[in-house]
Protein backbone atom coordinates (compact mmCIF):
# COMPACT_ATOMS: atom_id res chain seq x y z
CA UNK A 1 18.76 18.89 -27.59
CA UNK A 2 15.44 16.88 -26.50
CA UNK A 3 13.63 16.73 -23.34
CA UNK A 4 13.37 13.70 -22.31
CA UNK A 5 12.39 11.22 -19.55
CA UNK A 6 14.85 9.62 -17.45
CA UNK A 7 14.67 7.02 -14.23
CA UNK A 8 16.97 8.16 -11.59
CA UNK A 9 17.54 5.38 -8.73
CA UNK A 10 16.50 6.62 -5.19
CA UNK A 11 17.44 4.96 -1.55
CA UNK A 12 13.77 3.67 -1.12
CA UNK A 13 11.47 5.76 1.16
CA UNK A 14 13.92 8.98 0.02
CA UNK A 15 11.82 9.71 -3.18
CA UNK A 16 10.13 12.67 -1.76
CA UNK A 17 12.81 13.95 -0.34
CA UNK A 18 15.20 13.28 -3.45
CA UNK A 19 12.35 15.38 -5.39
CA UNK A 20 12.50 18.31 -3.19
CA UNK A 21 16.62 18.36 -2.56
CA UNK A 22 16.77 17.82 -6.85
CA UNK A 23 14.11 21.14 -6.87
CA UNK A 24 16.38 23.35 -4.87
CA UNK A 25 19.61 22.27 -6.80
CA UNK A 26 18.12 23.18 -10.24
CA UNK A 27 17.04 26.58 -8.25
CA UNK A 28 20.68 26.96 -7.05
CA UNK A 29 22.29 25.83 -9.97
CA UNK A 30 20.56 27.74 -12.49
CA UNK A 31 19.42 24.15 -13.88
CA UNK A 32 15.79 25.22 -15.10
CA UNK A 33 16.32 25.05 -18.62
CA UNK A 34 17.82 21.76 -18.81
CA UNK A 35 15.74 19.99 -16.04
CA UNK A 36 11.98 20.56 -16.54
CA UNK A 37 9.91 18.13 -14.52
CA UNK A 38 10.23 15.69 -11.55
CA UNK A 39 7.25 12.79 -10.88
CA UNK A 40 7.06 10.33 -8.21
CA UNK A 41 4.91 7.20 -10.46
CA UNK A 42 2.17 6.90 -7.85
CA UNK A 43 -1.72 5.20 -7.44
CA UNK A 44 -4.41 6.72 -5.74
CA UNK A 45 -5.44 3.52 -3.91
CA UNK A 46 -9.10 3.34 -1.93
CA UNK A 47 -8.52 0.99 1.69
CA UNK A 48 -11.56 -0.30 3.49
CA UNK A 49 -11.53 -0.33 6.92
CA UNK A 50 -13.91 -1.73 9.36
CA UNK A 51 -16.75 -0.88 9.05
CA UNK A 52 -17.18 -0.08 5.86
CA UNK A 53 -14.65 3.28 6.32
CA UNK A 54 -13.04 4.08 3.22
CA UNK A 55 -9.75 6.02 3.31
CA UNK A 56 -7.61 7.64 0.05
CA UNK A 57 -4.13 7.04 -0.17
CA UNK A 58 -1.54 7.71 -2.29
CA UNK A 59 0.78 4.78 -3.40
CA UNK A 60 4.50 4.68 -4.87
CA UNK A 61 4.09 2.32 -7.91
CA UNK A 62 7.84 2.16 -7.88
CA UNK A 63 9.40 2.40 -4.55
CA UNK A 64 12.91 3.89 -4.86
CA UNK A 65 12.79 5.32 -8.84
CA UNK A 66 11.68 9.15 -9.69
CA UNK A 67 11.10 10.01 -13.12
CA UNK A 68 12.81 13.56 -14.42
CA UNK A 69 12.60 15.33 -17.44
CA UNK A 70 15.94 16.79 -19.00
CA UNK A 71 18.15 17.57 -21.52
CA UNK A 72 20.72 15.20 -20.79
CA UNK A 73 24.42 16.81 -20.57
CA UNK A 74 27.34 17.07 -18.41
CA UNK A 75 26.08 19.42 -16.34
CA UNK A 76 22.40 18.32 -16.13
CA UNK A 77 24.01 14.50 -15.43
CA UNK A 78 26.16 15.66 -12.93
CA UNK A 79 23.21 18.32 -10.87
CA UNK A 80 20.67 15.08 -10.62
CA UNK A 81 23.26 12.15 -9.76
CA UNK A 82 25.28 14.17 -6.91
CA UNK A 83 21.55 15.03 -5.22
CA UNK A 84 21.97 12.89 -1.92
CA UNK A 85 19.65 10.08 -2.18
CA UNK A 86 20.20 9.24 -5.60
CA UNK A 87 22.03 6.53 -6.76
CA UNK A 88 22.01 7.20 -10.32
CA UNK A 89 20.35 6.67 -13.94
CA UNK A 90 18.77 3.24 -15.22
CA UNK A 91 20.16 2.57 -18.60
CA UNK A 92 22.41 0.27 -19.78
CA UNK A 93 26.61 0.09 -19.72
CA UNK A 94 26.37 2.78 -17.46
CA UNK A 95 24.49 5.46 -19.77
CA UNK A 96 21.37 6.66 -18.78
CA UNK A 97 18.40 5.42 -21.42
CA UNK A 98 15.35 7.76 -21.89
CA UNK A 99 12.03 6.53 -21.40
CA UNK A 100 9.95 6.31 -24.76
CA UNK A 101 6.21 8.18 -24.35
CA UNK A 102 4.81 4.70 -24.01
CA UNK A 103 7.19 3.58 -21.24
CA UNK A 104 6.81 6.79 -19.28
CA UNK A 105 2.79 6.02 -19.77
CA UNK A 106 3.23 2.83 -18.42
CA UNK A 107 5.36 3.99 -15.50
CA UNK A 108 2.97 6.62 -14.59
CA UNK A 109 -0.08 4.07 -15.12
CA UNK A 110 -2.33 6.79 -17.17
CA UNK A 111 -4.62 5.60 -19.49
CA UNK A 112 -5.45 6.57 -22.68
CA UNK A 113 -7.02 9.78 -21.23
CA UNK A 114 -4.26 10.65 -19.25
CA UNK A 115 -6.08 9.97 -16.30
CA UNK A 116 -4.40 7.34 -13.76
CA UNK A 117 -6.96 4.71 -12.73
CA UNK A 118 -7.58 4.15 -8.94
CA UNK A 119 -7.15 0.74 -7.27
CA UNK A 120 -9.23 -0.42 -4.19
CA UNK A 121 -7.36 -2.59 -1.72
CA UNK A 122 -9.66 -4.03 1.06
CA UNK A 123 -7.98 -6.04 4.37
CA UNK A 124 -10.63 -9.42 3.16
CA UNK A 125 -9.01 -12.47 1.70
CA UNK A 126 -10.48 -15.61 1.46
CA UNK A 127 -11.57 -17.69 4.27
CA UNK A 128 -11.93 -14.51 6.74
CA UNK A 129 -15.09 -14.55 8.66
CA UNK A 130 -17.33 -11.15 7.92
CA UNK A 131 -20.11 -10.25 9.48
CA UNK A 132 -22.57 -8.19 7.17
CA UNK A 133 -23.30 -4.30 7.88
CA UNK A 134 -25.70 -3.48 5.61
CA UNK A 135 -28.93 -4.00 3.86
CA UNK A 136 -31.45 -7.10 4.19
CA UNK A 137 -28.79 -9.20 5.14
CA UNK A 138 -27.57 -7.46 7.88
CA UNK A 139 -26.28 -9.33 11.16
CA UNK A 140 -25.94 -12.25 8.98
CA UNK A 141 -21.77 -13.90 9.59
CA UNK A 142 -20.66 -15.85 7.06
CA UNK A 143 -17.09 -16.54 5.12
CA UNK A 144 -14.92 -14.93 2.12
CA UNK A 145 -15.48 -17.09 -1.13
CA UNK A 146 -13.82 -14.81 -3.39
CA UNK A 147 -12.75 -11.15 -3.78
CA UNK A 148 -13.23 -9.19 -6.60
CA UNK A 149 -11.18 -5.47 -5.74
CA UNK A 150 -11.89 -4.23 -9.69
CA UNK A 151 -15.47 -4.06 -8.92
CA UNK A 152 -15.69 -3.52 -5.09
CA UNK A 153 -17.21 -6.98 -4.77
CA UNK A 154 -16.96 -9.71 -1.91
CA UNK A 155 -18.84 -13.32 -2.79
CA UNK A 156 -19.67 -14.55 0.87
CA UNK A 157 -20.72 -17.35 1.68
CA UNK A 158 -24.11 -17.42 4.47
CA UNK A 159 -25.92 -19.68 6.29
CA UNK A 160 -29.39 -18.95 5.54
CA UNK A 161 -32.00 -21.50 6.30
CA UNK A 162 -29.73 -23.84 7.21
CA UNK A 163 -27.95 -23.74 3.62
CA UNK A 164 -25.06 -22.44 2.58
CA UNK A 165 -26.03 -19.69 0.16
CA UNK A 166 -23.49 -17.42 -1.88
CA UNK A 167 -24.21 -13.71 -1.65
CA UNK A 168 -22.49 -11.07 -3.71
CA UNK A 169 -21.89 -7.50 -1.49
CA UNK A 170 -19.97 -4.39 -2.00
CA UNK A 171 -16.73 -4.08 0.26
CA UNK A 172 -18.94 -1.46 2.22
CA UNK A 173 -21.56 -3.64 3.38
CA UNK A 174 -19.00 -6.67 5.28
CA UNK A 175 -17.01 -6.19 8.16
CA UNK A 176 -14.01 -8.63 8.74
CA UNK A 177 -14.93 -10.31 12.31
CA UNK A 178 -11.86 -10.33 14.91
């Protein structure tokens, strides 16, 4: 038998609990030779709060799903399936379907180097009124015209010398005005 990754469906919000319960069940039932690894697909998200304060959090990519690397047989299936919070395996016709290596990498959002990319989430959207907090344009107020989360930039329309001027700033240079 080969070690393959399977997708296990859980109650949403119970992923961490299912993982720890399953780890205990593997230990108590002596299944370490058939169930090898449990992963919860997450990504690191950097949120930029007011005043440019950055906070990094882990966010679940697929809420309600856990990945289990195992040798599929009746005993291993029963161990996983009867874990509290597990509602079943992903598959066709009631039969669990293993993931290919590419599918696993996509679910885990891994690049070719094996690193998970970081995402930036910001409480800014087009039309939000902001104040520039640093740089030569500090204390100017304007409106967000464009948000580029991947680059960590925002285009703001500022009123400079009576004219609307688009200026590209980094997320930590602006703060939303409530």
